[in-house]
Amino acid sequence: MSDNGSRRPSNFVIGNIFLGAAALMLFFFVALWEYLGVVALLLWMALAAIGVYFIVKDKDINPGGPPN
């Protein structure tokens, strides 16, 4: 058996962390917009894009379902 404690987090987890940060950012978006302006929007779009990239990157190459 492999030791899961020494493994790096998967790309799926990393992507969900970025998407969580983007979702959390939406709660404070009005204040961020007042301080940063358009940069806040660009930062939110970048966080969401990076999160989606990591989730899609972790896609399994093998087809799903039972083996033949």
PDB file of N, CA and C in Angstrom:
ATOM      1  N   MET A   1       0.836  -1.184   0.000  1.00  0.00           N
ATOM      2  CA  MET A   1       0.000   0.000   0.000  1.00  0.00           C
ATOM      3  C   MET A   1       0.877   1.242   0.000  1.00  0.00           C
ATOM      4  N   SER A   2       0.402   2.247  -0.629  1.00  0.00           N
ATOM      5  CA  SER A   2       1.154   3.488  -0.682  1.00  0.00           C
ATOM      6  C   SER A   2       0.743   4.392   0.472  1.00  0.00           C
ATOM      7  N   ASP A   3       1.666   5.227   0.871  1.00  0.00           N
ATOM      8  CA  ASP A   3       1.408   6.174   1.954  1.00  0.00           C
ATOM      9  C   ASP A   3       0.818   7.448   1.359  1.00  0.00           C
ATOM     10  N   ASN A   4      -0.445   7.702   1.631  1.00  0.00           N
ATOM     11  CA  ASN A   4      -1.109   8.888   1.076  1.00  0.00           C
ATOM     12  C   ASN A   4      -0.713  10.162   1.797  1.00  0.00           C
ATOM     13  N   GLY A   5      -0.085  10.068   2.965  1.00  0.00           N
ATOM     14  CA  GLY A   5       0.297  11.256   3.713  1.00  0.00           C
ATOM     15  C   GLY A   5       1.437  12.017   3.056  1.00  0.00           C
ATOM     16  N   SER A   6       2.305  11.343   2.315  1.00  0.00           N
ATOM     17  CA  SER A   6       3.440  11.999   1.702  1.00  0.00           C
ATOM     18  C   SER A   6       3.159  12.463   0.276  1.00  0.00           C
ATOM     19  N   ARG A   7       1.967  12.176  -0.232  1.00  0.00           N
ATOM     20  CA  ARG A   7       1.623  12.576  -1.598  1.00  0.00           C
ATOM     21  C   ARG A   7       1.272  14.044  -1.674  1.00  0.00           C
ATOM     22  N   ARG A   8       1.543  14.630  -2.816  1.00  0.00           N
ATOM     23  CA  ARG A   8       1.112  16.000  -3.074  1.00  0.00           C
ATOM     24  C   ARG A   8      -0.391  15.998  -3.304  1.00  0.00           C
ATOM     25  N   PRO A   9      -1.051  17.141  -3.071  1.00  0.00           N
ATOM     26  CA  PRO A   9      -2.482  17.188  -3.382  1.00  0.00           C
ATOM     27  C   PRO A   9      -2.705  17.096  -4.887  1.00  0.00           C
ATOM     28  N   SER A  10      -3.799  16.473  -5.269  1.00  0.00           N
ATOM     29  CA  SER A  10      -4.073  16.305  -6.690  1.00  0.00           C
ATOM     30  C   SER A  10      -4.449  17.649  -7.317  1.00  0.00           C
ATOM     31  N   ASN A  11      -4.385  17.681  -8.624  1.00  0.00           N
ATOM     32  CA  ASN A  11      -4.755  18.899  -9.339  1.00  0.00           C
ATOM     33  C   ASN A  11      -6.208  19.258  -9.096  1.00  0.00           C
ATOM     34  N   PHE A  12      -7.055  18.251  -8.866  1.00  0.00           N
ATOM     35  CA  PHE A  12      -8.466  18.497  -8.587  1.00  0.00           C
ATOM     36  C   PHE A  12      -8.633  19.305  -7.306  1.00  0.00           C
ATOM     37  N   VAL A  13      -7.864  18.951  -6.284  1.00  0.00           N
ATOM     38  CA  VAL A  13      -7.943  19.677  -5.009  1.00  0.00           C
ATOM     39  C   VAL A  13      -7.408  21.091  -5.175  1.00  0.00           C
ATOM     40  N   ILE A  14      -6.308  21.235  -5.883  1.00  0.00           N
ATOM     41  CA  ILE A  14      -5.734  22.556  -6.114  1.00  0.00           C
ATOM     42  C   ILE A  14      -6.724  23.435  -6.891  1.00  0.00           C
ATOM     43  N   GLY A  15      -7.378  22.868  -7.897  1.00  0.00           N
ATOM     44  CA  GLY A  15      -8.367  23.615  -8.662  1.00  0.00           C
ATOM     45  C   GLY A  15      -9.539  24.050  -7.810  1.00  0.00           C
ATOM     46  N   ASN A  16      -9.981  23.175  -6.909  1.00  0.00           N
ATOM     47  CA  ASN A  16     -11.084  23.534  -6.024  1.00  0.00           C
ATOM     48  C   ASN A  16     -10.684  24.622  -5.030  1.00  0.00           C
ATOM     49  N   ILE A  17      -9.429  24.655  -4.623  1.00  0.00           N
ATOM     50  CA  ILE A  17      -8.957  25.727  -3.739  1.00  0.00           C
ATOM     51  C   ILE A  17      -9.017  27.063  -4.475  1.00  0.00           C
ATOM     52  N   PHE A  18      -8.564  27.092  -5.732  1.00  0.00           N
ATOM     53  CA  PHE A  18      -8.632  28.330  -6.517  1.00  0.00           C
ATOM     54  C   PHE A  18     -10.079  28.761  -6.747  1.00  0.00           C
ATOM     55  N   LEU A  19     -10.957  27.816  -7.061  1.00  0.00           N
ATOM     56  CA  LEU A  19     -12.360  28.161  -7.267  1.00  0.00           C
ATOM     57  C   LEU A  19     -13.018  28.616  -5.970  1.00  0.00           C
ATOM     58  N   GLY A  20     -12.617  28.030  -4.852  1.00  0.00           N
ATOM     59  CA  GLY A  20     -13.127  28.488  -3.560  1.00  0.00           C
ATOM     60  C   GLY A  20     -12.690  29.911  -3.255  1.00  0.00           C
ATOM     61  N   ALA A  21     -11.445  30.230  -3.598  1.00  0.00           N
ATOM     62  CA  ALA A  21     -10.962  31.600  -3.399  1.00  0.00           C
ATOM     63  C   ALA A  21     -11.730  32.572  -4.291  1.00  0.00           C
ATOM     64  N   ALA A  22     -12.038  32.156  -5.516  1.00  0.00           N
ATOM     65  CA  ALA A  22     -12.813  33.014  -6.419  1.00  0.00           C
ATOM     66  C   ALA A  22     -14.229  33.209  -5.887  1.00  0.00           C
ATOM     67  N   ALA A  23     -14.825  32.148  -5.332  1.00  0.00           N
ATOM     68  CA  ALA A  23     -16.169  32.260  -4.766  1.00  0.00           C
ATOM     69  C   ALA A  23     -16.160  33.144  -3.526  1.00  0.00           C
ATOM     70  N   LEU A  24     -15.148  33.000  -2.685  1.00  0.00           N
ATOM     71  CA  LEU A  24     -15.033  33.836  -1.494  1.00  0.00           C
ATOM     72  C   LEU A  24     -14.832  35.298  -1.873  1.00  0.00           C
ATOM     73  N   MET A  25     -14.114  35.520  -2.944  1.00  0.00           N
ATOM     74  CA  MET A  25     -13.870  36.880  -3.417  1.00  0.00           C
ATOM     75  C   MET A  25     -15.170  37.583  -3.821  1.00  0.00           C
ATOM     76  N   LEU A  26     -16.145  36.807  -4.299  1.00  0.00           N
ATOM     77  CA  LEU A  26     -17.423  37.411  -4.703  1.00  0.00           C
ATOM     78  C   LEU A  26     -18.172  38.020  -3.523  1.00  0.00           C
ATOM     79  N   PHE A  27     -17.980  37.483  -2.318  1.00  0.00           N
ATOM     80  CA  PHE A  27     -18.638  38.049  -1.141  1.00  0.00           C
ATOM     81  C   PHE A  27     -18.144  39.461  -0.836  1.00  0.00           C
ATOM     82  N   PHE A  28     -16.897  39.746  -1.162  1.00  0.00           N
ATOM     83  CA  PHE A  28     -16.294  41.045  -0.871  1.00  0.00           C
ATOM     84  C   PHE A  28     -16.048  41.860  -2.136  1.00  0.00           C
ATOM     85  N   PHE A  29     -16.772  41.555  -3.188  1.00  0.00           N
ATOM     86  CA  PHE A  29     -16.446  42.144  -4.481  1.00  0.00           C
ATOM     87  C   PHE A  29     -16.708  43.641  -4.533  1.00  0.00           C
ATOM     88  N   VAL A  30     -17.735  44.123  -3.854  1.00  0.00           N
ATOM     89  CA  VAL A  30     -18.034  45.564  -3.887  1.00  0.00           C
ATOM     90  C   VAL A  30     -16.888  46.345  -3.254  1.00  0.00           C
ATOM     91  N   ALA A  31     -16.402  45.874  -2.117  1.00  0.00           N
ATOM     92  CA  ALA A  31     -15.284  46.563  -1.466  1.00  0.00           C
ATOM     93  C   ALA A  31     -14.010  46.451  -2.310  1.00  0.00           C
ATOM     94  N   LEU A  32     -13.784  45.281  -2.888  1.00  0.00           N
ATOM     95  CA  LEU A  32     -12.607  45.112  -3.748  1.00  0.00           C
ATOM     96  C   LEU A  32     -12.686  46.001  -4.979  1.00  0.00           C
ATOM     97  N   TRP A  33     -13.892  46.163  -5.518  1.00  0.00           N
ATOM     98  CA  TRP A  33     -14.066  47.016  -6.690  1.00  0.00           C
ATOM     99  C   TRP A  33     -13.748  48.463  -6.351  1.00  0.00           C
ATOM    100  N   GLU A  34     -14.144  48.902  -5.149  1.00  0.00           N
ATOM    101  CA  GLU A  34     -13.862  50.278  -4.742  1.00  0.00           C
ATOM    102  C   GLU A  34     -12.367  50.525  -4.598  1.00  0.00           C
ATOM    103  N   TYR A  35     -11.622  49.522  -4.101  1.00  0.00           N
ATOM    104  CA  TYR A  35     -10.184  49.688  -3.892  1.00  0.00           C
ATOM    105  C   TYR A  35      -9.366  49.416  -5.150  1.00  0.00           C
ATOM    106  N   LEU A  36      -9.731  48.382  -5.890  1.00  0.00           N
ATOM    107  CA  LEU A  36      -8.890  47.939  -7.002  1.00  0.00           C
ATOM    108  C   LEU A  36      -9.450  48.262  -8.381  1.00  0.00           C
ATOM    109  N   GLY A  37     -10.740  48.493  -8.478  1.00  0.00           N
ATOM    110  CA  GLY A  37     -11.353  48.781  -9.771  1.00  0.00           C
ATOM    111  C   GLY A  37     -11.381  47.550 -10.658  1.00  0.00           C
ATOM    112  N   VAL A  38     -11.017  47.736 -11.897  1.00  0.00           N
ATOM    113  CA  VAL A  38     -11.078  46.668 -12.891  1.00  0.00           C
ATOM    114  C   VAL A  38     -10.105  45.537 -12.551  1.00  0.00           C
ATOM    115  N   VAL A  39      -9.063  45.837 -11.806  1.00  0.00           N
ATOM    116  CA  VAL A  39      -8.095  44.803 -11.418  1.00  0.00           C
ATOM    117  C   VAL A  39      -8.779  43.716 -10.592  1.00  0.00           C
ATOM    118  N   ALA A  40      -9.782  44.087  -9.791  1.00  0.00           N
ATOM    119  CA  ALA A  40     -10.521  43.091  -9.012  1.00  0.00           C
ATOM    120  C   ALA A  40     -11.232  42.109  -9.937  1.00  0.00           C
ATOM    121  N   LEU A  41     -11.825  42.616 -10.997  1.00  0.00           N
ATOM    122  CA  LEU A  41     -12.504  41.749 -11.956  1.00  0.00           C
ATOM    123  C   LEU A  41     -11.507  40.838 -12.662  1.00  0.00           C
ATOM    124  N   LEU A  42     -10.378  41.386 -13.058  1.00  0.00           N
ATOM    125  CA  LEU A  42      -9.357  40.582 -13.727  1.00  0.00           C
ATOM    126  C   LEU A  42      -8.786  39.517 -12.793  1.00  0.00           C
ATOM    127  N   LEU A  43      -8.616  39.857 -11.517  1.00  0.00           N
ATOM    128  CA  LEU A  43      -8.127  38.898 -10.541  1.00  0.00           C
ATOM    129  C   LEU A  43      -9.134  37.773 -10.337  1.00  0.00           C
ATOM    130  N   TRP A  44     -10.414  38.107 -10.254  1.00  0.00           N
ATOM    131  CA  TRP A  44     -11.447  37.085 -10.104  1.00  0.00           C
ATOM    132  C   TRP A  44     -11.489  36.161 -11.318  1.00  0.00           C
ATOM    133  N   MET A  45     -11.407  36.736 -12.513  1.00  0.00           N
ATOM    134  CA  MET A  45     -11.417  35.917 -13.728  1.00  0.00           C
ATOM    135  C   MET A  45     -10.199  35.008 -13.777  1.00  0.00           C
ATOM    136  N   ALA A  46      -9.046  35.502 -13.353  1.00  0.00           N
ATOM    137  CA  ALA A  46      -7.829  34.689 -13.353  1.00  0.00           C
ATOM    138  C   ALA A  46      -7.950  33.536 -12.361  1.00  0.00           C
ATOM    139  N   LEU A  47      -8.478  33.793 -11.167  1.00  0.00           N
ATOM    140  CA  LEU A  47      -8.652  32.726 -10.181  1.00  0.00           C
ATOM    141  C   LEU A  47      -9.593  31.650 -10.695  1.00  0.00           C
ATOM    142  N   ALA A  48     -10.696  32.066 -11.306  1.00  0.00           N
ATOM    143  CA  ALA A  48     -11.656  31.099 -11.830  1.00  0.00           C
ATOM    144  C   ALA A  48     -11.047  30.291 -12.982  1.00  0.00           C
ATOM    145  N   ALA A  49     -10.315  30.942 -13.862  1.00  0.00           N
ATOM    146  CA  ALA A  49      -9.714  30.246 -15.001  1.00  0.00           C
ATOM    147  C   ALA A  49      -8.646  29.255 -14.540  1.00  0.00           C
ATOM    148  N   ILE A  50      -7.825  29.651 -13.579  1.00  0.00           N
ATOM    149  CA  ILE A  50      -6.795  28.746 -13.072  1.00  0.00           C
ATOM    150  C   ILE A  50      -7.433  27.554 -12.373  1.00  0.00           C
ATOM    151  N   GLY A  51      -8.495  27.794 -11.622  1.00  0.00           N
ATOM    152  CA  GLY A  51      -9.191  26.701 -10.952  1.00  0.00           C
ATOM    153  C   GLY A  51      -9.770  25.699 -11.928  1.00  0.00           C
ATOM    154  N   VAL A  52     -10.419  26.192 -12.959  1.00  0.00           N
ATOM    155  CA  VAL A  52     -10.986  25.295 -13.975  1.00  0.00           C
ATOM    156  C   VAL A  52      -9.872  24.550 -14.706  1.00  0.00           C
ATOM    157  N   TYR A  53      -8.765  25.223 -14.980  1.00  0.00           N
ATOM    158  CA  TYR A  53      -7.644  24.574 -15.656  1.00  0.00           C
ATOM    159  C   TYR A  53      -7.129  23.380 -14.848  1.00  0.00           C
ATOM    160  N   PHE A  54      -6.937  23.574 -13.546  1.00  0.00           N
ATOM    161  CA  PHE A  54      -6.418  22.478 -12.724  1.00  0.00           C
ATOM    162  C   PHE A  54      -7.414  21.333 -12.612  1.00  0.00           C
ATOM    163  N   ILE A  55      -8.710  21.642 -12.547  1.00  0.00           N
ATOM    164  CA  ILE A  55      -9.702  20.570 -12.467  1.00  0.00           C
ATOM    165  C   ILE A  55      -9.727  19.764 -13.758  1.00  0.00           C
ATOM    166  N   VAL A  56      -9.680  20.432 -14.888  1.00  0.00           N
ATOM    167  CA  VAL A  56      -9.708  19.731 -16.172  1.00  0.00           C
ATOM    168  C   VAL A  56      -8.406  18.978 -16.401  1.00  0.00           C
ATOM    169  N   LYS A  57      -7.293  19.519 -15.916  1.00  0.00           N
ATOM    170  CA  LYS A  57      -5.991  18.874 -16.095  1.00  0.00           C
ATOM    171  C   LYS A  57      -5.927  17.538 -15.364  1.00  0.00           C
ATOM    172  N   ASP A  58      -6.681  17.373 -14.299  1.00  0.00           N
ATOM    173  CA  ASP A  58      -6.653  16.154 -13.501  1.00  0.00           C
ATOM    174  C   ASP A  58      -7.558  15.067 -14.066  1.00  0.00           C
ATOM    175  N   LYS A  59      -8.123  15.277 -15.242  1.00  0.00           N
ATOM    176  CA  LYS A  59      -9.025  14.308 -15.829  1.00  0.00           C
ATOM    177  C   LYS A  59      -8.289  13.005 -16.110  1.00  0.00           C
ATOM    178  N   ASP A  60      -8.930  11.900 -15.797  1.00  0.00           N
ATOM    179  CA  ASP A  60      -8.325  10.583 -15.988  1.00  0.00           C
ATOM    180  C   ASP A  60      -8.317  10.233 -17.471  1.00  0.00           C
ATOM    181  N   ILE A  61      -7.208   9.704 -17.950  1.00  0.00           N
ATOM    182  CA  ILE A  61      -7.073   9.352 -19.364  1.00  0.00           C
ATOM    183  C   ILE A  61      -7.855   8.087 -19.686  1.00  0.00           C
ATOM    184  N   ASN A  62      -7.894   7.150 -18.761  1.00  0.00           N
ATOM    185  CA  ASN A  62      -8.579   5.884 -19.002  1.00  0.00           C
ATOM    186  C   ASN A  62     -10.082   6.082 -19.012  1.00  0.00           C
ATOM    187  N   PRO A  63     -10.785   5.356 -19.900  1.00  0.00           N
ATOM    188  CA  PRO A  63     -12.247   5.484 -19.924  1.00  0.00           C
ATOM    189  C   PRO A  63     -12.858   4.871 -18.670  1.00  0.00           C
ATOM    190  N   GLY A  64     -13.995   5.400 -18.267  1.00  0.00           N
ATOM    191  CA  GLY A  64     -14.659   4.892 -17.074  1.00  0.00           C
ATOM    192  C   GLY A  64     -15.406   3.604 -17.370  1.00  0.00           C
ATOM    193  N   GLY A  65     -15.970   3.045 -16.323  1.00  0.00           N
ATOM    194  CA  GLY A  65     -16.745   1.833 -16.490  1.00  0.00           C
ATOM    195  C   GLY A  65     -15.957   0.586 -16.140  1.00  0.00           C
ATOM    196  N   PRO A  66     -16.635  -0.540 -16.142  1.00  0.00           N
ATOM    197  CA  PRO A  66     -15.952  -1.793 -15.795  1.00  0.00           C
ATOM    198  C   PRO A  66     -15.000  -2.224 -16.903  1.00  0.00           C
ATOM    199  N   PRO A  67     -13.947  -2.974 -16.525  1.00  0.00           N
ATOM    200  CA  PRO A  67     -13.020  -3.451 -17.561  1.00  0.00           C
ATOM    201  C   PRO A  67     -13.666  -4.524 -18.426  1.00  0.00           C
ATOM    202  N   ASN A  68     -13.192  -4.649 -19.629  1.00  0.00           N
ATOM    203  CA  ASN A  68     -13.751  -5.653 -20.552  1.00  0.00           C
ATOM    204  C   ASN A  68     -13.285  -7.036 -20.215  1.00  0.00           C
TER     205      ASN A  68
END
